[in-house]
Amino acid sequence: MEETTEDKRKGGRPRKKVRRSNDIRVRLTDMERFLIEEKAKEAGMRPSAWFRQAAKRAKIVSRLTPDDLRILRMLAGAANNLNQITHMAHREGLLAVQKRCREILSEIDETLKYLNSDDRKS
């Protein structure tokens, strides 16, 4: 009867079920490393174990969603329009600006009424 290699190993540490064979290198400042080590110490963990747990539980939030970008573009457009109106007010006077603003508001109102009308849906 031949002994298998498994039978030959009687003592020692049992094999790990999950072997961590991959690594990621992360560059940290001294302060970042200190903070991670302190948080790991408070949790009673090694820094690598703490880092893995933090990565698993992290909630990823994109910096700006497409809706956020759209709103920012609208705000930039509104700011540009305000700048133009202010420039126009300095150049032509407030009454001319007031008249132009009323015209623009009237055009916007007509467009919104058209978009919301039942005739457009049929």
C-alpha atoms as a PDB file:
ATOM      1  CA  MET A   1       0.000   0.000   0.000  1.00  0.00           C
ATOM      2  CA  GLU A   2       1.550   3.303  -1.101  1.00  0.00           C
ATOM      3  CA  GLU A   3       1.273   6.401   1.050  1.00  0.00           C
ATOM      4  CA  THR A   4      -0.067   9.492  -0.634  1.00  0.00           C
ATOM      5  CA  THR A   5       1.548  12.864  -0.122  1.00  0.00           C
ATOM      6  CA  GLU A   6      -1.404  13.840   2.046  1.00  0.00           C
ATOM      7  CA  ASP A   7      -0.678  10.992   4.462  1.00  0.00           C
ATOM      8  CA  LYS A   8       2.976  11.995   4.768  1.00  0.00           C
ATOM      9  CA  ARG A   9       2.085  15.417   6.205  1.00  0.00           C
ATOM     10  CA  LYS A  10       0.956  14.664   9.707  1.00  0.00           C
ATOM     11  CA  GLY A  11       1.929  17.705  11.717  1.00  0.00           C
ATOM     12  CA  GLY A  12       2.110  21.418  11.200  1.00  0.00           C
ATOM     13  CA  ARG A  13      -0.389  24.068  10.412  1.00  0.00           C
ATOM     14  CA  PRO A  14      -3.415  23.026   8.340  1.00  0.00           C
ATOM     15  CA  ARG A  15      -3.727  24.509   4.872  1.00  0.00           C
ATOM     16  CA  LYS A  16      -5.740  27.720   4.592  1.00  0.00           C
ATOM     17  CA  LYS A  17      -9.107  27.371   2.899  1.00  0.00           C
ATOM     18  CA  VAL A  18      -8.777  30.749   1.197  1.00  0.00           C
ATOM     19  CA  ARG A  19      -5.289  31.617   0.082  1.00  0.00           C
ATOM     20  CA  ARG A  20      -4.578  35.278  -0.604  1.00  0.00           C
ATOM     21  CA  SER A  21      -2.267  35.178  -3.578  1.00  0.00           C
ATOM     22  CA  ASN A  22      -2.949  38.639  -5.037  1.00  0.00           C
ATOM     23  CA  ASP A  23      -1.742  41.953  -3.741  1.00  0.00           C
ATOM     24  CA  ILE A  24      -2.399  45.597  -4.469  1.00  0.00           C
ATOM     25  CA  ARG A  25       0.149  48.229  -3.675  1.00  0.00           C
ATOM     26  CA  VAL A  26      -1.210  51.505  -2.380  1.00  0.00           C
ATOM     27  CA  ARG A  27       0.861  54.623  -1.913  1.00  0.00           C
ATOM     28  CA  LEU A  28       0.052  56.479   1.301  1.00  0.00           C
ATOM     29  CA  THR A  29       1.278  59.597   2.974  1.00  0.00           C
ATOM     30  CA  ASP A  30       2.664  59.249   6.480  1.00  0.00           C
ATOM     31  CA  MET A  31      -0.567  60.705   7.865  1.00  0.00           C
ATOM     32  CA  GLU A  32      -2.777  58.284   5.881  1.00  0.00           C
ATOM     33  CA  ARG A  33      -0.731  55.310   7.050  1.00  0.00           C
ATOM     34  CA  PHE A  34      -0.879  56.547  10.650  1.00  0.00           C
ATOM     35  CA  LEU A  35      -4.676  56.936  10.467  1.00  0.00           C
ATOM     36  CA  ILE A  36      -5.161  53.460   9.001  1.00  0.00           C
ATOM     37  CA  GLU A  37      -2.876  51.860  11.578  1.00  0.00           C
ATOM     38  CA  GLU A  38      -4.648  53.681  14.424  1.00  0.00           C
ATOM     39  CA  LYS A  39      -8.098  52.639  13.214  1.00  0.00           C
ATOM     40  CA  ALA A  40      -6.918  49.055  12.808  1.00  0.00           C
ATOM     41  CA  LYS A  41      -5.412  49.131  16.294  1.00  0.00           C
ATOM     42  CA  GLU A  42      -8.694  50.443  17.770  1.00  0.00           C
ATOM     43  CA  ALA A  43     -10.557  47.620  16.021  1.00  0.00           C
ATOM     44  CA  GLY A  44      -8.023  45.056  17.252  1.00  0.00           C
ATOM     45  CA  MET A  45      -7.033  44.138  13.712  1.00  0.00           C
ATOM     46  CA  ARG A  46      -3.949  44.175  11.588  1.00  0.00           C
ATOM     47  CA  PRO A  47      -3.846  47.047   9.082  1.00  0.00           C
ATOM     48  CA  SER A  48      -4.184  44.688   6.102  1.00  0.00           C
ATOM     49  CA  ALA A  49      -7.285  43.002   7.588  1.00  0.00           C
ATOM     50  CA  TRP A  50      -8.794  46.391   8.457  1.00  0.00           C
ATOM     51  CA  PHE A  51      -8.092  47.631   4.927  1.00  0.00           C
ATOM     52  CA  ARG A  52      -9.818  44.568   3.404  1.00  0.00           C
ATOM     53  CA  GLN A  53     -12.870  45.032   5.632  1.00  0.00           C
ATOM     54  CA  ALA A  54     -13.037  48.746   4.825  1.00  0.00           C
ATOM     55  CA  ALA A  55     -12.839  47.976   1.095  1.00  0.00           C
ATOM     56  CA  LYS A  56     -15.644  45.413   1.322  1.00  0.00           C
ATOM     57  CA  ARG A  57     -17.963  47.785   3.175  1.00  0.00           C
ATOM     58  CA  ALA A  58     -17.104  50.962   1.292  1.00  0.00           C
ATOM     59  CA  LYS A  59     -19.919  52.722  -0.494  1.00  0.00           C
ATOM     60  CA  ILE A  60     -18.739  54.072  -3.815  1.00  0.00           C
ATOM     61  CA  VAL A  61     -20.180  57.461  -4.672  1.00  0.00           C
ATOM     62  CA  SER A  62     -19.402  59.003  -8.012  1.00  0.00           C
ATOM     63  CA  ARG A  63     -18.228  62.561  -7.811  1.00  0.00           C
ATOM     64  CA  LEU A  64     -20.922  63.877 -10.104  1.00  0.00           C
ATOM     65  CA  THR A  65     -23.850  61.976 -11.552  1.00  0.00           C
ATOM     66  CA  PRO A  66     -25.090  62.778 -15.060  1.00  0.00           C
ATOM     67  CA  ASP A  67     -28.031  64.631 -13.472  1.00  0.00           C
ATOM     68  CA  ASP A  68     -25.617  66.680 -11.362  1.00  0.00           C
ATOM     69  CA  LEU A  69     -23.637  67.578 -14.482  1.00  0.00           C
ATOM     70  CA  ARG A  70     -26.835  68.609 -16.277  1.00  0.00           C
ATOM     71  CA  ILE A  71     -27.854  70.840 -13.365  1.00  0.00           C
ATOM     72  CA  LEU A  72     -24.382  72.393 -13.227  1.00  0.00           C
ATOM     73  CA  ARG A  73     -24.561  73.178 -16.947  1.00  0.00           C
ATOM     74  CA  MET A  74     -27.959  74.799 -16.417  1.00  0.00           C
ATOM     75  CA  LEU A  75     -26.569  76.847 -13.545  1.00  0.00           C
ATOM     76  CA  ALA A  76     -23.615  77.926 -15.680  1.00  0.00           C
ATOM     77  CA  GLY A  77     -26.026  78.958 -18.435  1.00  0.00           C
ATOM     78  CA  ALA A  78     -28.167  80.907 -15.973  1.00  0.00           C
ATOM     79  CA  ALA A  79     -25.075  82.637 -14.576  1.00  0.00           C
ATOM     80  CA  ASN A  80     -23.985  83.517 -18.104  1.00  0.00           C
ATOM     81  CA  ASN A  81     -27.428  84.952 -18.862  1.00  0.00           C
ATOM     82  CA  LEU A  82     -27.351  86.973 -15.634  1.00  0.00           C
ATOM     83  CA  ASN A  83     -23.950  88.356 -16.609  1.00  0.00           C
ATOM     84  CA  GLN A  84     -25.278  89.348 -20.024  1.00  0.00           C
ATOM     85  CA  ILE A  85     -28.346  91.025 -18.513  1.00  0.00           C
ATOM     86  CA  THR A  86     -26.184  92.928 -16.007  1.00  0.00           C
ATOM     87  CA  HIS A  87     -23.899  94.076 -18.810  1.00  0.00           C
ATOM     88  CA  MET A  88     -26.933  95.124 -20.845  1.00  0.00           C
ATOM     89  CA  ALA A  89     -28.374  97.006 -17.860  1.00  0.00           C
ATOM     90  CA  HIS A  90     -25.165  99.003 -17.492  1.00  0.00           C
ATOM     91  CA  ARG A  91     -25.036  99.736 -21.201  1.00  0.00           C
ATOM     92  CA  GLU A  92     -28.691 100.433 -22.060  1.00  0.00           C
ATOM     93  CA  GLY A  93     -30.372 101.154 -18.744  1.00  0.00           C
ATOM     94  CA  LEU A  94     -32.700  99.188 -16.511  1.00  0.00           C
ATOM     95  CA  LEU A  95     -35.887  99.895 -18.474  1.00  0.00           C
ATOM     96  CA  ALA A  96     -34.511  98.291 -21.628  1.00  0.00           C
ATOM     97  CA  VAL A  97     -33.440  95.235 -19.646  1.00  0.00           C
ATOM     98  CA  GLN A  98     -36.833  94.996 -17.981  1.00  0.00           C
ATOM     99  CA  LYS A  99     -38.529  95.070 -21.389  1.00  0.00           C
ATOM    100  CA  ARG A 100     -36.221  92.361 -22.772  1.00  0.00           C
ATOM    101  CA  CYS A 101     -36.755  90.168 -19.689  1.00  0.00           C
ATOM    102  CA  ARG A 102     -40.520  90.422 -20.098  1.00  0.00           C
ATOM    103  CA  GLU A 103     -40.206  89.400 -23.750  1.00  0.00           C
ATOM    104  CA  ILE A 104     -38.072  86.372 -22.854  1.00  0.00           C
ATOM    105  CA  LEU A 105     -40.480  85.329 -20.074  1.00  0.00           C
ATOM    106  CA  SER A 106     -43.376  85.629 -22.517  1.00  0.00           C
ATOM    107  CA  GLU A 107     -41.582  83.394 -25.043  1.00  0.00           C
ATOM    108  CA  ILE A 108     -40.816  80.814 -22.330  1.00  0.00           C
ATOM    109  CA  ASP A 109     -44.451  80.875 -21.189  1.00  0.00           C
ATOM    110  CA  GLU A 110     -45.729  80.322 -24.741  1.00  0.00           C
ATOM    111  CA  THR A 111     -43.308  77.437 -25.264  1.00  0.00           C
ATOM    112  CA  LEU A 112     -44.370  75.764 -22.012  1.00  0.00           C
ATOM    113  CA  LYS A 113     -48.061  76.183 -22.909  1.00  0.00           C
ATOM    114  CA  TYR A 114     -47.405  74.583 -26.308  1.00  0.00           C
ATOM    115  CA  LEU A 115     -45.522  71.662 -24.771  1.00  0.00           C
ATOM    116  CA  ASN A 116     -48.315  71.054 -22.254  1.00  0.00           C
ATOM    117  CA  SER A 117     -51.215  71.453 -24.722  1.00  0.00           C
ATOM    118  CA  ASP A 118     -53.413  68.502 -25.651  1.00  0.00           C
ATOM    119  CA  ASP A 119     -53.142  69.319 -29.374  1.00  0.00           C
ATOM    120  CA  ARG A 120     -49.492  68.338 -29.358  1.00  0.00           C
ATOM    121  CA  LYS A 121     -50.218  64.853 -27.969  1.00  0.00           C
ATOM    122  CA  SER A 122     -52.507  63.803 -30.850  1.00  0.00           C
END
